[in-house]
């Protein structure tokens, strides 16, 4: 496969997943904002969301104060935010259009229709009138894109590069949201604590899964274990790494040996880790190290298979 074609497929998937992840983070912040809390806590939660996406400075240049409505508007469609939902869905559509001949008709139509429908929803100000409904729509379109891709495309290199983009982006996001939310909510107790962690779990579609696995009270330690070390949890770090290792194996070339080795090493560390040891060593340090290594893996994938990143 031509590296430019692989590049477009990879970034189509990353942008689609990033739009979904942004919608998930905004949705959970709206849910936790309904809990009894001080104004300072509310500000902290919204700043944490901007911090997860590394957009605090960009937002501050655009706004004099942190207002939840402005943050939502900024994260949904502000033209100065390259990671906004609108920018990501546009990026996904443009990358899909560039490789239209490689995709099935169904995959292209989902990407194109998502972009067209977004224009109507933005003009209708749905993200202001009913943000929860808007975020559910973004998540649904992402689910639809993945389902149509797996259900209609030949399981060849094109699909493997799409999956690489999806799981690199998902691993990065899960680590970020767990790091920020774990430290943001770790000191809470009682009723608020339950709703805080329930909202976090729902942000990664993990609430029902948690109940099925543990059948007990929600605790930060178990949340961390499920989102890091459970291979049967679809959005966990271990599940993402298993998918990355598998798809890298399918597209390996003469220069990708070191990339495979590093991915395999990170996968093995998660597979045989214990949450007690991670917490003793420091969850924040562990997640920071993971994010650095995922970033490096993304750079290596670009160098080994795709159009090289600009220096």
Protein backbone atom coordinates (compact mmCIF):
# COMPACT_ATOMS: atom_id res chain seq x y z
CA UNK A 1 0.00 0.00 0.00
CA UNK A 2 1.23 3.51 -0.81
CA UNK A 3 2.34 5.40 2.28
CA UNK A 4 0.11 8.35 1.41
CA UNK A 5 -2.96 6.12 1.21
CA UNK A 6 -2.08 4.52 4.55
CA UNK A 7 -1.59 7.99 6.02
CA UNK A 8 -5.07 9.15 5.01
CA UNK A 9 -6.71 6.00 6.37
CA UNK A 10 -4.79 6.25 9.64
CA UNK A 11 -5.72 9.90 10.19
CA UNK A 12 -9.32 9.39 9.16
CA UNK A 13 -9.60 6.92 12.03
CA UNK A 14 -7.69 9.08 14.52
CA UNK A 15 -9.83 12.13 13.84
CA UNK A 16 -13.05 10.12 14.14
CA UNK A 17 -11.93 8.64 17.45
CA UNK A 18 -10.74 12.04 18.70
CA UNK A 19 -14.12 13.62 17.99
CA UNK A 20 -15.82 10.85 19.96
CA UNK A 21 -13.38 11.17 22.85
CA UNK A 22 -13.90 14.93 23.03
CA UNK A 23 -17.66 14.39 23.12
CA UNK A 24 -17.22 11.86 25.92
CA UNK A 25 -15.11 14.23 28.02
CA UNK A 26 -17.52 17.13 27.58
CA UNK A 27 -20.46 14.89 28.43
CA UNK A 28 -18.91 13.64 31.68
CA UNK A 29 -18.07 17.20 32.73
CA UNK A 30 -21.68 18.21 32.21
CA UNK A 31 -22.80 15.27 34.35
CA UNK A 32 -20.38 15.97 37.20
CA UNK A 33 -21.28 19.69 37.07
CA UNK A 34 -24.73 18.69 38.37
CA UNK A 35 -23.19 17.39 41.61
CA UNK A 36 -23.09 19.64 44.69
CA UNK A 37 -19.74 21.39 44.53
CA UNK A 38 -18.10 24.77 45.01
CA UNK A 39 -17.43 27.23 42.21
CA UNK A 40 -13.73 26.48 42.59
CA UNK A 41 -14.36 22.77 42.00
CA UNK A 42 -16.43 23.55 38.92
CA UNK A 43 -13.63 25.71 37.54
CA UNK A 44 -11.09 22.99 38.32
CA UNK A 45 -13.08 20.35 36.43
CA UNK A 46 -13.41 22.48 33.28
CA UNK A 47 -9.76 23.49 33.40
CA UNK A 48 -8.84 19.83 33.78
CA UNK A 49 -10.76 19.06 30.59
CA UNK A 50 -8.79 21.71 28.71
CA UNK A 51 -5.61 20.35 30.26
CA UNK A 52 -6.37 16.81 29.07
CA UNK A 53 -6.44 18.12 25.52
CA UNK A 54 -3.50 20.50 26.04
CA UNK A 55 -5.70 23.44 24.99
CA UNK A 56 -5.61 25.65 28.08
CA UNK A 57 -3.36 28.31 26.55
CA UNK A 58 -5.34 28.42 23.31
CA UNK A 59 -8.58 28.85 25.23
CA UNK A 60 -7.11 31.58 27.46
CA UNK A 61 -6.08 33.56 24.39
CA UNK A 62 -9.66 33.47 23.16
CA UNK A 63 -11.53 34.07 26.43
CA UNK A 64 -10.95 36.32 29.43
CA UNK A 65 -12.66 33.93 31.87
CA UNK A 66 -13.47 30.25 32.09
CA UNK A 67 -17.19 29.81 31.49
CA UNK A 68 -18.61 26.30 30.87
CA UNK A 69 -20.67 27.47 27.90
CA UNK A 70 -17.59 29.04 26.31
CA UNK A 71 -15.56 25.87 26.91
CA UNK A 72 -18.22 23.76 25.18
CA UNK A 73 -18.37 26.18 22.25
CA UNK A 74 -14.57 26.18 22.05
CA UNK A 75 -14.35 22.38 22.11
CA UNK A 76 -17.22 21.88 19.67
CA UNK A 77 -16.49 24.22 16.77
CA UNK A 78 -14.12 27.12 17.53
CA UNK A 79 -12.04 27.63 14.34
CA UNK A 80 -8.98 28.40 16.50
CA UNK A 81 -9.15 24.94 18.07
CA UNK A 82 -7.64 22.30 15.73
CA UNK A 83 -8.92 19.54 18.03
CA UNK A 84 -12.55 20.69 18.15
CA UNK A 85 -15.24 18.19 17.25
CA UNK A 86 -15.99 20.10 14.04
CA UNK A 87 -12.30 20.21 13.06
CA UNK A 88 -11.90 16.48 13.74
CA UNK A 89 -14.98 15.46 11.76
CA UNK A 90 -13.84 17.68 8.90
CA UNK A 91 -10.38 16.13 9.05
CA UNK A 92 -11.87 12.64 9.00
CA UNK A 93 -14.04 13.48 6.01
CA UNK A 94 -11.21 15.12 4.04
CA UNK A 95 -8.90 12.16 4.63
CA UNK A 96 -11.68 9.78 3.58
CA UNK A 97 -12.29 11.83 0.42
CA UNK A 98 -8.60 11.61 -0.49
CA UNK A 99 -8.78 7.78 -0.52
CA UNK A 100 -12.37 7.44 -1.72
CA UNK A 101 -11.39 4.60 -4.04
CA UNK A 102 -9.95 2.53 -1.18
CA UNK A 103 -13.10 2.75 0.96
CA UNK A 104 -16.40 1.00 0.40
CA UNK A 105 -19.34 3.18 -0.57
CA UNK A 106 -20.86 2.66 2.88
CA UNK A 107 -17.76 3.88 4.73
CA UNK A 108 -17.48 6.99 2.58
CA UNK A 109 -21.18 7.81 2.92
CA UNK A 110 -21.00 7.60 6.72
CA UNK A 111 -18.05 10.03 6.83
CA UNK A 112 -19.61 12.41 4.33
CA UNK A 113 -23.09 12.35 5.88
CA UNK A 114 -21.67 12.92 9.34
CA UNK A 115 -20.01 16.11 8.12
CA UNK A 116 -23.16 17.30 6.33
CA UNK A 117 -25.38 16.58 9.35
CA UNK A 118 -22.94 18.42 11.61
CA UNK A 119 -23.49 21.63 9.63
CA UNK A 120 -27.23 21.48 10.33
CA UNK A 121 -26.70 20.74 14.02
CA UNK A 122 -24.27 23.63 14.43
CA UNK A 123 -26.60 26.06 12.66
CA UNK A 124 -29.41 24.82 14.89
CA UNK A 125 -27.16 25.39 17.97
CA UNK A 126 -27.96 21.90 19.24
CA UNK A 127 -24.76 21.85 21.30
CA UNK A 128 -26.17 24.83 23.24
CA UNK A 129 -29.82 23.81 23.42
CA UNK A 130 -29.24 20.16 24.29
CA UNK A 131 -25.52 19.38 24.62
CA UNK A 132 -26.17 15.87 25.92
CA UNK A 133 -28.08 14.98 22.76
CA UNK A 134 -25.37 16.51 20.58
CA UNK A 135 -22.61 14.51 22.28
CA UNK A 136 -24.62 11.30 21.96
CA UNK A 137 -24.97 12.00 18.25
CA UNK A 138 -21.18 12.42 17.89
CA UNK A 139 -20.58 9.14 19.71
CA UNK A 140 -23.20 7.36 17.62
CA UNK A 141 -21.64 8.52 14.35
CA UNK A 142 -18.24 7.30 15.51
CA UNK A 143 -19.70 3.91 16.45
CA UNK A 144 -21.40 3.76 13.07
CA UNK A 145 -18.16 4.55 11.27
CA UNK A 146 -16.29 1.74 13.04
CA UNK A 147 -19.11 -0.75 12.54
CA UNK A 148 -19.47 -0.03 8.83
CA UNK A 149 -15.70 -0.21 8.38
CA UNK A 150 -15.44 -3.65 9.99
CA UNK A 151 -18.67 -4.87 8.40
CA UNK A 152 -18.07 -3.85 4.78
CA UNK A 153 -14.34 -3.54 4.08
CA UNK A 154 -11.95 -6.28 3.06
CA UNK A 155 -9.82 -7.15 6.08
CA UNK A 156 -6.58 -6.11 4.43
CA UNK A 157 -3.90 -3.51 5.11
CA UNK A 158 -6.37 -0.65 4.76
CA UNK A 159 -8.37 -1.87 7.75
CA UNK A 160 -5.20 -2.51 9.75
CA UNK A 161 -4.04 1.10 9.31
CA UNK A 162 -7.51 2.32 10.26
CA UNK A 163 -7.37 0.22 13.42
CA UNK A 164 -3.87 1.48 14.25
CA UNK A 165 -5.17 5.04 14.17
CA UNK A 166 -8.22 4.19 16.27
CA UNK A 167 -6.37 2.42 19.07
CA UNK A 168 -3.44 4.82 19.30
CA UNK A 169 -5.90 7.68 19.74
CA UNK A 170 -8.04 5.72 22.21
CA UNK A 171 -5.09 4.66 24.35
CA UNK A 172 -3.89 8.25 24.57
CA UNK A 173 -7.31 9.53 25.59
CA UNK A 174 -8.03 6.84 28.18
CA UNK A 175 -4.70 7.52 29.89
CA UNK A 176 -5.31 11.27 29.92
CA UNK A 177 -8.83 11.16 31.32
CA UNK A 178 -7.91 8.59 33.97
CA UNK A 179 -4.91 10.62 35.11
CA UNK A 180 -6.81 13.89 35.46
CA UNK A 181 -10.04 12.49 36.86
CA UNK A 182 -8.33 10.12 39.29
CA UNK A 183 -6.48 12.94 40.97
CA UNK A 184 -9.40 15.32 40.65
CA UNK A 185 -11.81 13.02 42.45
CA UNK A 186 -9.62 10.91 44.69
CA UNK A 187 -10.33 12.90 47.85
CA UNK A 188 -14.13 12.84 47.59
CA UNK A 189 -16.23 10.75 49.93
CA UNK A 190 -19.74 9.42 50.18
CA UNK A 191 -22.54 10.25 47.82
CA UNK A 192 -20.61 12.61 45.57
CA UNK A 193 -17.81 10.06 45.27
CA UNK A 194 -20.19 7.46 43.81
CA UNK A 195 -21.66 9.83 41.22
CA UNK A 196 -18.23 11.21 40.33
CA UNK A 197 -16.78 7.79 39.51
CA UNK A 198 -20.02 6.62 37.89
CA UNK A 199 -19.82 9.62 35.53
CA UNK A 200 -16.18 8.85 34.77
CA UNK A 201 -17.04 5.24 33.97
CA UNK A 202 -19.89 6.33 31.71
CA UNK A 203 -17.49 8.61 29.86
CA UNK A 204 -15.66 5.47 28.67
CA UNK A 205 -18.79 3.28 28.40
CA UNK A 206 -17.60 1.40 31.46
CA UNK A 207 -20.35 1.75 34.10
CA UNK A 208 -22.26 -1.44 33.27
CA UNK A 209 -19.00 -3.29 32.66
CA UNK A 210 -17.73 -2.27 36.11
CA UNK A 211 -20.93 -3.53 37.75
CA UNK A 212 -20.64 -6.84 35.91
CA UNK A 213 -16.98 -7.29 36.85
CA UNK A 214 -16.95 -6.22 40.49
CA UNK A 215 -20.59 -6.20 41.69
CA UNK A 216 -19.58 -3.87 44.50
CA UNK A 217 -19.06 -0.24 45.44
CA UNK A 218 -17.15 1.88 42.94
CA UNK A 219 -13.62 2.63 44.15
CA UNK A 220 -10.88 4.66 42.43
CA UNK A 221 -8.47 1.71 42.63
CA UNK A 222 -10.82 -0.62 40.79
CA UNK A 223 -11.63 2.03 38.20
CA UNK A 224 -7.91 2.41 37.54
CA UNK A 225 -7.46 -1.35 37.32
CA UNK A 226 -10.34 -1.75 34.87
CA UNK A 227 -9.24 1.10 32.60
CA UNK A 228 -5.61 0.02 32.59
CA UNK A 229 -5.25 -3.72 33.03
CA UNK A 230 -8.44 -5.47 31.89
CA UNK A 231 -8.04 -6.85 28.39
CA UNK A 232 -11.80 -7.52 28.22
CA UNK A 233 -12.60 -3.83 28.75
CA UNK A 234 -12.74 -2.38 25.17
CA UNK A 235 -11.31 1.05 26.03
CA UNK A 236 -8.65 -0.07 28.53
CA UNK A 237 -4.97 0.57 27.94
CA UNK A 238 -4.25 -3.16 27.75
CA UNK A 239 -7.03 -3.77 25.19
CA UNK A 240 -5.69 -0.90 23.06
CA UNK A 241 -2.15 -2.26 23.22
CA UNK A 242 -3.28 -5.77 22.27
CA UNK A 243 -5.00 -4.32 19.20
CA UNK A 244 -1.93 -2.21 18.34
CA UNK A 245 0.44 -5.17 18.57
CA UNK A 246 -1.90 -7.32 16.46
CA UNK A 247 -2.36 -4.74 13.71
CA UNK A 248 1.32 -3.81 13.62
CA UNK A 249 2.11 -7.47 13.02
CA UNK A 250 -0.17 -7.47 9.97
CA UNK A 251 1.50 -4.47 8.30
CA UNK A 252 5.13 -5.01 9.35
CA UNK A 253 7.86 -4.07 6.92
CA UNK A 254 11.66 -4.09 6.79
CA UNK A 255 12.00 -1.01 9.02
CA UNK A 256 9.28 -1.58 11.62
CA UNK A 257 11.03 -4.11 13.86
CA UNK A 258 11.91 -1.61 16.59
CA UNK A 259 8.40 -0.16 16.56
CA UNK A 260 6.95 -3.65 17.04
CA UNK A 261 9.41 -4.34 19.85
CA UNK A 262 8.48 -1.17 21.75
CA UNK A 263 4.76 -1.82 21.31
CA UNK A 264 5.24 -5.41 22.49
CA UNK A 265 7.24 -4.28 25.50
CA UNK A 266 4.54 -1.81 26.56
CA UNK A 267 1.87 -4.44 26.03
CA UNK A 268 3.77 -6.99 28.16
CA UNK A 269 4.24 -4.50 31.00
CA UNK A 270 0.49 -3.87 31.15
CA UNK A 271 -0.42 -7.53 30.74
CA UNK A 272 1.63 -8.65 33.74
CA UNK A 273 1.22 -5.56 35.92
CA UNK A 274 -0.72 -5.42 39.20
CA UNK A 275 -2.69 -2.35 40.17
CA UNK A 276 -1.22 -2.45 43.68
CA UNK A 277 2.29 -2.08 42.27
CA UNK A 278 1.19 0.72 39.92
CA UNK A 279 -0.42 2.69 42.75
CA UNK A 280 2.60 2.18 44.98
CA UNK A 281 4.92 3.45 42.25
CA UNK A 282 2.58 6.37 41.52
CA UNK A 283 -0.33 6.32 39.10
CA UNK A 284 0.44 9.76 37.70
CA UNK A 285 4.04 8.84 36.91
CA UNK A 286 2.94 5.57 35.31
CA UNK A 287 0.35 7.26 33.11
CA UNK A 288 2.74 10.07 32.17
CA UNK A 289 5.29 7.50 31.07
CA UNK A 290 2.63 5.63 29.12
CA UNK A 291 1.58 8.80 27.29
CA UNK A 292 5.19 9.54 26.35
CA UNK A 293 5.61 6.05 24.93
CA UNK A 294 2.31 6.18 23.03
CA UNK A 295 3.41 9.49 21.53
CA UNK A 296 6.68 7.88 20.48
CA UNK A 297 4.83 4.91 18.98
CA UNK A 298 2.68 7.29 16.95
CA UNK A 299 5.80 9.01 15.63
CA UNK A 300 7.36 5.65 14.79
CA UNK A 301 4.26 4.47 12.94
CA UNK A 302 4.35 7.68 10.90
CA UNK A 303 8.05 7.23 10.13
CA UNK A 304 7.86 3.51 9.30
CA UNK A 305 4.65 3.40 7.28
CA UNK A 306 3.13 6.80 6.58
CA UNK A 307 3.97 10.23 5.19
CA UNK A 308 6.69 11.49 7.59
CA UNK A 309 5.64 14.17 10.06
CA UNK A 310 6.92 17.66 9.34
CA UNK A 311 10.10 18.47 11.24
